[in-house]
Amino acid sequence: MDTSRDNEEQRNSTAAATATEAQATEQQKPEAKQEHKRYSGGAGKRRPHSHHEQRHGAHGKRAKADLDPNNPMLPHFVEYAKILTDRQDQRERLVKLSRDVTIASKRVIFLLQRYNGTNAETLIAQANEKLASIHATIRAIAKELDGTDPAMHHRAYSPGMQEYIEAITFMAYIKDGSLPSPEDIAALIFDGAGDDDPRMAIVSTDYILGIADLTGELMRLCINNATDNTIPFQICERMRDIYEGFLSISPKMRMKDFEKKMEVMGNSLRKVEKRTHT
């Protein structure tokens, strides 16, 4: 009997303690809600967990600060923003013009790859028609660069100039086996232009890298005329001259992509030599 009474008292004591704990928990819930609202700024918002969120917001966006219109530095930053915007717009126009030159120059190269030793005059006449529009586009690049430092935007129009130099030197080789200089190419581009029209020089790096790409087209021309008894040997001799000229360039003067171009040029030359010695 005493044991049963003790067990019952113990159960009653445990139930009372549980009820007291539950009541205390219910009393703490409103306080926790108020604490959450105080940190989060209201219902439905969460407290920033990092210094980055406090500055930039939960989605990574910088909070917009109120600018004092009377701040003496504000006009300067407005001016700088306009300069940077204009410069970026100019770069985008140059990139588009360069892309147009690249596409048109590739079409000239594809046309000239049909050379078979007997149709040079026909192909050159068709190529000159396409080159007229390319020259107009390059003159537009020169006009865009007028009054600015060309080196600032060189990377924007360099790919197009390299492709054009590859095309014009390829045509010169098919025409009479010559290799025009940068001055010759510039004179061809601005032939017929007015005295007051802006002009631009051929950048040496564009010329060198364009000549390096020319060897790839000469290799393809050799393969296309593999059964001819003259064309492959003439191409092999010209490619050797170009390769030796590139080897003579001092390592200190070699620009970006030079080594990669040299490797491709060497592979093309070996293919041509294999064709002419078998």
C-alpha atoms as a PDB file:
ATOM      1  CA  MET A   1       0.000   0.000   0.000  1.00  0.00           C
ATOM      2  CA  ASP A   2       2.734   2.424   0.920  1.00  0.00           C
ATOM      3  CA  THR A   3       4.484   1.602  -2.342  1.00  0.00           C
ATOM      4  CA  SER A   4       1.384   2.337  -4.427  1.00  0.00           C
ATOM      5  CA  ARG A   5       0.839   5.611  -2.599  1.00  0.00           C
ATOM      6  CA  ASP A   6       4.450   6.660  -3.233  1.00  0.00           C
ATOM      7  CA  ASN A   7       4.173   5.859  -6.962  1.00  0.00           C
ATOM      8  CA  GLU A   8       0.981   7.872  -7.298  1.00  0.00           C
ATOM      9  CA  GLU A   9       2.512  10.875  -5.537  1.00  0.00           C
ATOM     10  CA  GLN A  10       5.532  10.671  -7.827  1.00  0.00           C
ATOM     11  CA  ARG A  11       3.295  10.642 -10.966  1.00  0.00           C
ATOM     12  CA  ASN A  12       1.326  13.615  -9.669  1.00  0.00           C
ATOM     13  CA  SER A  13       4.560  15.529  -9.004  1.00  0.00           C
ATOM     14  CA  THR A  14       5.873  14.797 -12.526  1.00  0.00           C
ATOM     15  CA  ALA A  15       2.606  15.900 -14.150  1.00  0.00           C
ATOM     16  CA  ALA A  16       2.641  19.147 -12.164  1.00  0.00           C
ATOM     17  CA  ALA A  17       6.244  19.882 -13.214  1.00  0.00           C
ATOM     18  CA  THR A  18       5.383  19.241 -16.898  1.00  0.00           C
ATOM     19  CA  ALA A  19       2.402  21.563 -16.726  1.00  0.00           C
ATOM     20  CA  THR A  20       4.492  24.288 -15.125  1.00  0.00           C
ATOM     21  CA  GLU A  21       7.162  23.955 -17.854  1.00  0.00           C
ATOM     22  CA  ALA A  22       4.558  24.114 -20.639  1.00  0.00           C
ATOM     23  CA  GLN A  23       3.023  27.241 -19.107  1.00  0.00           C
ATOM     24  CA  ALA A  24       6.447  28.904 -18.958  1.00  0.00           C
ATOM     25  CA  THR A  25       7.080  28.045 -22.618  1.00  0.00           C
ATOM     26  CA  GLU A  26       3.777  29.607 -23.682  1.00  0.00           C
ATOM     27  CA  GLN A  27       4.670  32.789 -21.813  1.00  0.00           C
ATOM     28  CA  GLN A  28       8.030  33.006 -23.649  1.00  0.00           C
ATOM     29  CA  LYS A  29       6.531  32.780 -27.174  1.00  0.00           C
ATOM     30  CA  PRO A  30       5.187  36.371 -27.333  1.00  0.00           C
ATOM     31  CA  GLU A  31       8.537  37.658 -26.087  1.00  0.00           C
ATOM     32  CA  ALA A  32      10.350  35.690 -28.839  1.00  0.00           C
ATOM     33  CA  LYS A  33       8.016  37.096 -31.488  1.00  0.00           C
ATOM     34  CA  GLN A  34       8.649  40.632 -30.287  1.00  0.00           C
ATOM     35  CA  GLU A  35      12.412  39.955 -30.370  1.00  0.00           C
ATOM     36  CA  HIS A  36      12.167  38.656 -33.956  1.00  0.00           C
ATOM     37  CA  LYS A  37      10.208  41.715 -35.069  1.00  0.00           C
ATOM     38  CA  ARG A  38      12.731  44.044 -33.437  1.00  0.00           C
ATOM     39  CA  TYR A  39      15.650  42.486 -35.403  1.00  0.00           C
ATOM     40  CA  SER A  40      13.869  41.797 -38.678  1.00  0.00           C
ATOM     41  CA  GLY A  41      12.012  45.094 -38.979  1.00  0.00           C
ATOM     42  CA  GLY A  42       8.549  43.584 -38.992  1.00  0.00           C
ATOM     43  CA  ALA A  43       6.626  40.477 -39.872  1.00  0.00           C
ATOM     44  CA  GLY A  44       7.752  38.634 -43.001  1.00  0.00           C
ATOM     45  CA  LYS A  45      11.300  40.012 -42.944  1.00  0.00           C
ATOM     46  CA  ARG A  46      14.431  38.316 -41.748  1.00  0.00           C
ATOM     47  CA  ARG A  47      17.415  39.687 -39.916  1.00  0.00           C
ATOM     48  CA  PRO A  48      20.547  40.230 -42.057  1.00  0.00           C
ATOM     49  CA  HIS A  49      23.095  37.574 -41.190  1.00  0.00           C
ATOM     50  CA  SER A  50      26.229  39.228 -42.559  1.00  0.00           C
ATOM     51  CA  HIS A  51      27.900  42.553 -43.107  1.00  0.00           C
ATOM     52  CA  HIS A  52      27.543  42.048 -46.887  1.00  0.00           C
ATOM     53  CA  GLU A  53      23.745  41.694 -46.580  1.00  0.00           C
ATOM     54  CA  GLN A  54      23.555  44.788 -44.416  1.00  0.00           C
ATOM     55  CA  ARG A  55      25.343  46.809 -47.144  1.00  0.00           C
ATOM     56  CA  HIS A  56      24.036  45.165 -50.323  1.00  0.00           C
ATOM     57  CA  GLY A  57      20.734  43.604 -49.278  1.00  0.00           C
ATOM     58  CA  ALA A  58      19.633  39.977 -49.245  1.00  0.00           C
ATOM     59  CA  HIS A  59      19.852  39.710 -53.062  1.00  0.00           C
ATOM     60  CA  GLY A  60      23.350  41.164 -53.398  1.00  0.00           C
ATOM     61  CA  LYS A  61      22.221  44.601 -54.618  1.00  0.00           C
ATOM     62  CA  ARG A  62      23.892  47.653 -53.172  1.00  0.00           C
ATOM     63  CA  ALA A  63      21.503  49.906 -51.371  1.00  0.00           C
ATOM     64  CA  LYS A  64      20.978  53.165 -53.277  1.00  0.00           C
ATOM     65  CA  ALA A  65      22.379  56.065 -51.328  1.00  0.00           C
ATOM     66  CA  ASP A  66      20.799  59.497 -51.341  1.00  0.00           C
ATOM     67  CA  LEU A  67      23.078  61.905 -53.216  1.00  0.00           C
ATOM     68  CA  ASP A  68      23.421  65.500 -52.204  1.00  0.00           C
ATOM     69  CA  PRO A  69      22.769  67.579 -55.347  1.00  0.00           C
ATOM     70  CA  ASN A  70      24.950  70.334 -53.896  1.00  0.00           C
ATOM     71  CA  ASN A  71      27.977  68.056 -53.579  1.00  0.00           C
ATOM     72  CA  PRO A  72      30.817  69.741 -55.568  1.00  0.00           C
ATOM     73  CA  MET A  73      32.176  66.323 -56.670  1.00  0.00           C
ATOM     74  CA  LEU A  74      28.921  65.194 -58.256  1.00  0.00           C
ATOM     75  CA  PRO A  75      29.349  67.063 -61.607  1.00  0.00           C
ATOM     76  CA  HIS A  76      32.810  65.523 -62.029  1.00  0.00           C
ATOM     77  CA  PHE A  77      31.508  61.987 -61.612  1.00  0.00           C
ATOM     78  CA  VAL A  78      28.636  62.690 -64.002  1.00  0.00           C
ATOM     79  CA  GLU A  79      31.191  63.867 -66.560  1.00  0.00           C
ATOM     80  CA  TYR A  80      33.397  60.800 -66.002  1.00  0.00           C
ATOM     81  CA  ALA A  81      30.399  58.501 -66.388  1.00  0.00           C
ATOM     82  CA  LYS A  82      29.567  60.117 -69.745  1.00  0.00           C
ATOM     83  CA  ILE A  83      33.187  59.719 -70.938  1.00  0.00           C
ATOM     84  CA  LEU A  84      33.222  56.017 -70.030  1.00  0.00           C
ATOM     85  CA  THR A  85      29.835  55.455 -71.658  1.00  0.00           C
ATOM     86  CA  ASP A  86      30.931  57.155 -74.883  1.00  0.00           C
ATOM     87  CA  ARG A  87      34.147  55.147 -74.906  1.00  0.00           C
ATOM     88  CA  GLN A  88      32.266  51.883 -74.466  1.00  0.00           C
ATOM     89  CA  ASP A  89      29.839  52.807 -77.255  1.00  0.00           C
ATOM     90  CA  GLN A  90      32.791  53.586 -79.532  1.00  0.00           C
ATOM     91  CA  ARG A  91      34.353  50.234 -78.734  1.00  0.00           C
ATOM     92  CA  GLU A  92      31.116  48.423 -79.581  1.00  0.00           C
ATOM     93  CA  ARG A  93      30.946  50.191 -82.951  1.00  0.00           C
ATOM     94  CA  LEU A  94      34.551  49.195 -83.699  1.00  0.00           C
ATOM     95  CA  VAL A  95      33.869  45.582 -82.751  1.00  0.00           C
ATOM     96  CA  LYS A  96      30.934  45.487 -85.158  1.00  0.00           C
ATOM     97  CA  LEU A  97      32.973  47.022 -87.984  1.00  0.00           C
ATOM     98  CA  SER A  98      35.805  44.573 -87.305  1.00  0.00           C
ATOM     99  CA  ARG A  99      33.361  41.673 -87.434  1.00  0.00           C
ATOM    100  CA  ASP A 100      32.086  42.877 -90.812  1.00  0.00           C
ATOM    101  CA  VAL A 101      35.664  43.043 -92.130  1.00  0.00           C
ATOM    102  CA  THR A 102      36.361  39.534 -90.833  1.00  0.00           C
ATOM    103  CA  ILE A 103      33.307  38.000 -92.488  1.00  0.00           C
ATOM    104  CA  ALA A 104      33.912  39.708 -95.831  1.00  0.00           C
ATOM    105  CA  SER A 105      37.635  38.831 -95.800  1.00  0.00           C
ATOM    106  CA  LYS A 106      36.857  35.156 -95.198  1.00  0.00           C
ATOM    107  CA  ARG A 107      34.614  35.187 -98.253  1.00  0.00           C
ATOM    108  CA  VAL A 108      37.474  36.551-100.335  1.00  0.00           C
ATOM    109  CA  ILE A 109      39.754  33.789 -99.057  1.00  0.00           C
ATOM    110  CA  PHE A 110      37.190  31.086 -99.854  1.00  0.00           C
ATOM    111  CA  LEU A 111      36.867  32.527-103.344  1.00  0.00           C
ATOM    112  CA  LEU A 112      40.626  32.534-103.934  1.00  0.00           C
ATOM    113  CA  GLN A 113      40.966  28.930-102.784  1.00  0.00           C
ATOM    114  CA  ARG A 114      39.377  27.958-106.121  1.00  0.00           C
ATOM    115  CA  TYR A 115      42.618  28.904-107.868  1.00  0.00           C
ATOM    116  CA  ASN A 116      43.919  26.128-110.135  1.00  0.00           C
ATOM    117  CA  GLY A 117      46.725  27.849-111.992  1.00  0.00           C
ATOM    118  CA  THR A 118      44.653  29.016-114.965  1.00  0.00           C
ATOM    119  CA  ASN A 119      41.811  31.117-113.504  1.00  0.00           C
ATOM    120  CA  ALA A 120      43.780  33.786-111.627  1.00  0.00           C
ATOM    121  CA  GLU A 121      42.412  36.778-113.583  1.00  0.00           C
ATOM    122  CA  THR A 122      38.782  35.768-113.082  1.00  0.00           C
ATOM    123  CA  LEU A 123      39.206  35.158-109.352  1.00  0.00           C
ATOM    124  CA  ILE A 124      41.137  38.386-108.786  1.00  0.00           C
ATOM    125  CA  ALA A 125      38.469  40.425-110.591  1.00  0.00           C
ATOM    126  CA  GLN A 126      35.764  38.905-108.376  1.00  0.00           C
ATOM    127  CA  ALA A 127      37.897  39.411-105.278  1.00  0.00           C
ATOM    128  CA  ASN A 128      38.472  43.091-106.083  1.00  0.00           C
ATOM    129  CA  GLU A 129      34.723  43.633-106.167  1.00  0.00           C
ATOM    130  CA  LYS A 130      34.431  42.255-102.640  1.00  0.00           C
ATOM    131  CA  LEU A 131      37.501  44.156-101.440  1.00  0.00           C
ATOM    132  CA  ALA A 132      35.903  47.476-102.397  1.00  0.00           C
ATOM    133  CA  SER A 133      33.297  47.082 -99.651  1.00  0.00           C
ATOM    134  CA  ILE A 134      35.951  45.893 -97.189  1.00  0.00           C
ATOM    135  CA  HIS A 135      38.040  48.999 -97.850  1.00  0.00           C
ATOM    136  CA  ALA A 136      34.982  51.165 -97.203  1.00  0.00           C
ATOM    137  CA  THR A 137      34.462  49.446 -93.860  1.00  0.00           C
ATOM    138  CA  ILE A 138      38.112  49.902 -92.883  1.00  0.00           C
ATOM    139  CA  ARG A 139      37.859  53.590 -93.790  1.00  0.00           C
ATOM    140  CA  ALA A 140      34.881  53.727 -91.425  1.00  0.00           C
ATOM    141  CA  ILE A 141      37.136  52.287 -88.709  1.00  0.00           C
ATOM    142  CA  ALA A 142      39.704  55.010 -89.436  1.00  0.00           C
ATOM    143  CA  LYS A 143      36.964  57.631 -89.172  1.00  0.00           C
ATOM    144  CA  GLU A 144      35.842  56.158 -85.850  1.00  0.00           C
ATOM    145  CA  LEU A 145      39.403  56.330 -84.525  1.00  0.00           C
ATOM    146  CA  ASP A 146      39.963  59.891 -85.706  1.00  0.00           C
ATOM    147  CA  GLY A 147      40.839  62.161 -82.812  1.00  0.00           C
ATOM    148  CA  THR A 148      41.488  59.291 -80.381  1.00  0.00           C
ATOM    149  CA  ASP A 149      44.434  57.119 -79.478  1.00  0.00           C
ATOM    150  CA  PRO A 150      44.187  54.061 -81.783  1.00  0.00           C
ATOM    151  CA  ALA A 151      46.074  51.935 -79.261  1.00  0.00           C
ATOM    152  CA  MET A 152      43.213  52.388 -76.798  1.00  0.00           C
ATOM    153  CA  HIS A 153      40.809  50.457 -79.035  1.00  0.00           C
ATOM    154  CA  HIS A 154      43.282  48.298 -80.963  1.00  0.00           C
ATOM    155  CA  ARG A 155      41.980  45.034 -79.530  1.00  0.00           C
ATOM    156  CA  ALA A 156      38.473  45.926 -80.753  1.00  0.00           C
ATOM    157  CA  TYR A 157      39.382  46.053 -84.455  1.00  0.00           C
ATOM    158  CA  SER A 158      42.588  43.962 -84.590  1.00  0.00           C
ATOM    159  CA  PRO A 159      40.896  40.624 -85.514  1.00  0.00           C
ATOM    160  CA  GLY A 160      39.305  42.155 -88.589  1.00  0.00           C
ATOM    161  CA  MET A 161      42.559  43.740 -89.742  1.00  0.00           C
ATOM    162  CA  GLN A 162      44.448  40.464 -89.351  1.00  0.00           C
ATOM    163  CA  GLU A 163      41.864  38.632 -91.436  1.00  0.00           C
ATOM    164  CA  TYR A 164      41.961  41.358 -94.091  1.00  0.00           C
ATOM    165  CA  ILE A 165      45.768  41.237 -94.288  1.00  0.00           C
ATOM    166  CA  GLU A 166      45.549  37.477 -94.718  1.00  0.00           C
ATOM    167  CA  ALA A 167      43.093  37.918 -97.589  1.00  0.00           C
ATOM    168  CA  ILE A 168      44.928  40.735 -99.387  1.00  0.00           C
ATOM    169  CA  THR A 169      48.324  39.020 -99.194  1.00  0.00           C
ATOM    170  CA  PHE A 170      46.764  35.751-100.391  1.00  0.00           C
ATOM    171  CA  MET A 171      45.368  37.554-103.411  1.00  0.00           C
ATOM    172  CA  ALA A 172      48.744  39.192-104.075  1.00  0.00           C
ATOM    173  CA  TYR A 173      50.442  35.798-104.035  1.00  0.00           C
ATOM    174  CA  ILE A 174      47.988  34.357-106.544  1.00  0.00           C
ATOM    175  CA  LYS A 175      48.233  37.458-108.723  1.00  0.00           C
ATOM    176  CA  ASP A 176      52.015  37.737-109.098  1.00  0.00           C
ATOM    177  CA  GLY A 177      53.657  35.942-106.155  1.00  0.00           C
ATOM    178  CA  SER A 178      54.398  39.198-104.294  1.00  0.00           C
ATOM    179  CA  LEU A 179      54.090  40.024-100.612  1.00  0.00           C
ATOM    180  CA  PRO A 180      52.823  43.603-100.110  1.00  0.00           C
ATOM    181  CA  SER A 181      54.277  45.697 -97.288  1.00  0.00           C
ATOM    182  CA  PRO A 182      52.148  47.455 -94.645  1.00  0.00           C
ATOM    183  CA  GLU A 183      52.589  50.721 -96.553  1.00  0.00           C
ATOM    184  CA  ASP A 184      51.388  49.081 -99.772  1.00  0.00           C
ATOM    185  CA  ILE A 185      48.312  47.732 -98.019  1.00  0.00           C
ATOM    186  CA  ALA A 186      47.483  51.099 -96.432  1.00  0.00           C
ATOM    187  CA  ALA A 187      47.833  52.806 -99.836  1.00  0.00           C
ATOM    188  CA  LEU A 188      45.436  50.240-101.337  1.00  0.00           C
ATOM    189  CA  ILE A 189      42.847  50.790 -98.604  1.00  0.00           C
ATOM    190  CA  PHE A 190      42.810  54.571 -98.880  1.00  0.00           C
ATOM    191  CA  ASP A 191      43.207  54.757-102.641  1.00  0.00           C
ATOM    192  CA  GLY A 192      40.643  57.243-103.887  1.00  0.00           C
ATOM    193  CA  ALA A 193      39.922  58.652-100.425  1.00  0.00           C
ATOM    194  CA  GLY A 194      39.711  62.425-100.055  1.00  0.00           C
ATOM    195  CA  ASP A 195      42.579  64.479 -98.709  1.00  0.00           C
ATOM    196  CA  ASP A 196      40.584  65.349 -95.609  1.00  0.00           C
ATOM    197  CA  ASP A 197      39.422  61.789 -94.931  1.00  0.00           C
ATOM    198  CA  PRO A 198      40.900  60.199 -91.784  1.00  0.00           C
ATOM    199  CA  ARG A 199      43.567  57.569 -92.348  1.00  0.00           C
ATOM    200  CA  MET A 200      45.214  54.946 -90.210  1.00  0.00           C
ATOM    201  CA  ALA A 201      48.431  52.986 -90.419  1.00  0.00           C
ATOM    202  CA  ILE A 202      48.658  49.205 -90.499  1.00  0.00           C
ATOM    203  CA  VAL A 203      49.742  48.074 -87.037  1.00  0.00           C
ATOM    204  CA  SER A 204      52.873  45.930 -87.223  1.00  0.00           C
ATOM    205  CA  THR A 205      51.455  43.207 -84.967  1.00  0.00           C
ATOM    206  CA  ASP A 206      48.352  42.891 -87.156  1.00  0.00           C
ATOM    207  CA  TYR A 207      50.547  42.610 -90.230  1.00  0.00           C
ATOM    208  CA  ILE A 208      52.831  39.936 -88.740  1.00  0.00           C
ATOM    209  CA  LEU A 209      49.993  37.814 -87.378  1.00  0.00           C
ATOM    210  CA  GLY A 210      48.084  38.186 -90.651  1.00  0.00           C
ATOM    211  CA  ILE A 211      51.109  36.898 -92.601  1.00  0.00           C
ATOM    212  CA  ALA A 212      51.337  33.968 -90.184  1.00  0.00           C
ATOM    213  CA  ASP A 213      47.740  33.051 -91.019  1.00  0.00           C
ATOM    214  CA  LEU A 214      48.547  33.383 -94.722  1.00  0.00           C
ATOM    215  CA  THR A 215      50.757  30.278 -94.508  1.00  0.00           C
ATOM    216  CA  GLY A 216      47.726  28.214 -93.517  1.00  0.00           C
ATOM    217  CA  GLU A 217      45.893  29.295 -96.650  1.00  0.00           C
ATOM    218  CA  LEU A 218      48.974  28.546 -98.766  1.00  0.00           C
ATOM    219  CA  MET A 219      49.081  25.061 -97.277  1.00  0.00           C
ATOM    220  CA  ARG A 220      45.408  24.488 -98.196  1.00  0.00           C
ATOM    221  CA  LEU A 221      46.058  25.794-101.701  1.00  0.00           C
ATOM    222  CA  CYS A 222      48.928  23.313-101.995  1.00  0.00           C
ATOM    223  CA  ILE A 223      46.680  20.422-100.941  1.00  0.00           C
ATOM    224  CA  ASN A 224      43.944  21.533-103.360  1.00  0.00           C
ATOM    225  CA  ASN A 225      46.474  21.516-106.216  1.00  0.00           C
ATOM    226  CA  ALA A 226      48.399  18.456-105.078  1.00  0.00           C
ATOM    227  CA  THR A 227      48.424  16.953-108.579  1.00  0.00           C
ATOM    228  CA  ASP A 228      49.950  20.057-110.157  1.00  0.00           C
ATOM    229  CA  ASN A 229      53.663  19.907-110.973  1.00  0.00           C
ATOM    230  CA  THR A 230      54.392  23.575-110.222  1.00  0.00           C
ATOM    231  CA  ILE A 231      52.074  25.137-107.624  1.00  0.00           C
ATOM    232  CA  PRO A 232      53.069  22.965-104.607  1.00  0.00           C
ATOM    233  CA  PHE A 233      56.780  23.618-105.130  1.00  0.00           C
ATOM    234  CA  GLN A 234      56.263  27.361-105.473  1.00  0.00           C
ATOM    235  CA  ILE A 235      54.184  27.401-102.305  1.00  0.00           C
ATOM    236  CA  CYS A 236      56.786  25.368-100.422  1.00  0.00           C
ATOM    237  CA  GLU A 237      59.519  27.841-101.350  1.00  0.00           C
ATOM    238  CA  ARG A 238      57.433  30.843-100.281  1.00  0.00           C
ATOM    239  CA  MET A 239      56.432  29.248 -96.974  1.00  0.00           C
ATOM    240  CA  ARG A 240      60.065  28.479 -96.175  1.00  0.00           C
ATOM    241  CA  ASP A 241      60.962  32.129 -96.753  1.00  0.00           C
ATOM    242  CA  ILE A 242      58.169  33.289 -94.442  1.00  0.00           C
ATOM    243  CA  TYR A 243      59.057  30.758 -91.754  1.00  0.00           C
ATOM    244  CA  GLU A 244      62.729  31.761 -91.800  1.00  0.00           C
ATOM    245  CA  GLY A 245      61.703  35.397 -91.552  1.00  0.00           C
ATOM    246  CA  PHE A 246      59.607  34.667 -88.477  1.00  0.00           C
ATOM    247  CA  LEU A 247      62.469  32.756 -86.869  1.00  0.00           C
ATOM    248  CA  SER A 248      64.654  35.851 -87.213  1.00  0.00           C
ATOM    249  CA  ILE A 249      62.318  37.924 -85.015  1.00  0.00           C
ATOM    250  CA  SER A 250      63.900  38.473 -81.605  1.00  0.00           C
ATOM    251  CA  PRO A 251      62.097  36.785 -78.693  1.00  0.00           C
ATOM    252  CA  LYS A 252      61.907  40.185 -77.006  1.00  0.00           C
ATOM    253  CA  MET A 253      59.885  41.526 -79.940  1.00  0.00           C
ATOM    254  CA  ARG A 254      57.412  38.653 -80.155  1.00  0.00           C
ATOM    255  CA  MET A 255      53.871  39.577 -79.335  1.00  0.00           C
ATOM    256  CA  LYS A 256      50.999  37.619 -77.827  1.00  0.00           C
ATOM    257  CA  ASP A 257      49.969  34.523 -79.837  1.00  0.00           C
ATOM    258  CA  PHE A 258      53.287  34.600 -81.728  1.00  0.00           C
ATOM    259  CA  GLU A 259      54.524  31.242 -80.449  1.00  0.00           C
ATOM    260  CA  LYS A 260      51.190  29.581 -81.178  1.00  0.00           C
ATOM    261  CA  LYS A 261      51.205  30.987 -84.719  1.00  0.00           C
ATOM    262  CA  MET A 262      54.774  29.745 -85.200  1.00  0.00           C
ATOM    263  CA  GLU A 263      53.793  26.240 -84.135  1.00  0.00           C
ATOM    264  CA  VAL A 264      50.861  26.163 -86.569  1.00  0.00           C
ATOM    265  CA  MET A 265      53.066  27.600 -89.314  1.00  0.00           C
ATOM    266  CA  GLY A 266      55.696  24.905 -88.739  1.00  0.00           C
ATOM    267  CA  ASN A 267      53.061  22.177 -88.965  1.00  0.00           C
ATOM    268  CA  SER A 268      51.717  23.644 -92.220  1.00  0.00           C
ATOM    269  CA  LEU A 269      55.218  23.842 -93.681  1.00  0.00           C
ATOM    270  CA  ARG A 270      55.920  20.202 -92.842  1.00  0.00           C
ATOM    271  CA  LYS A 271      52.718  19.139 -94.602  1.00  0.00           C
ATOM    272  CA  VAL A 272      53.730  21.040 -97.723  1.00  0.00           C
ATOM    273  CA  GLU A 273      57.263  19.642 -97.651  1.00  0.00           C
ATOM    274  CA  LYS A 274      55.872  16.135 -97.291  1.00  0.00           C
ATOM    275  CA  ARG A 275      53.713  16.710-100.359  1.00  0.00           C
ATOM    276  CA  THR A 276      56.572  18.083-102.476  1.00  0.00           C
ATOM    277  CA  HIS A 277      59.016  15.319-101.501  1.00  0.00           C
ATOM    278  CA  THR A 278      56.752  12.324-102.132  1.00  0.00           C
END
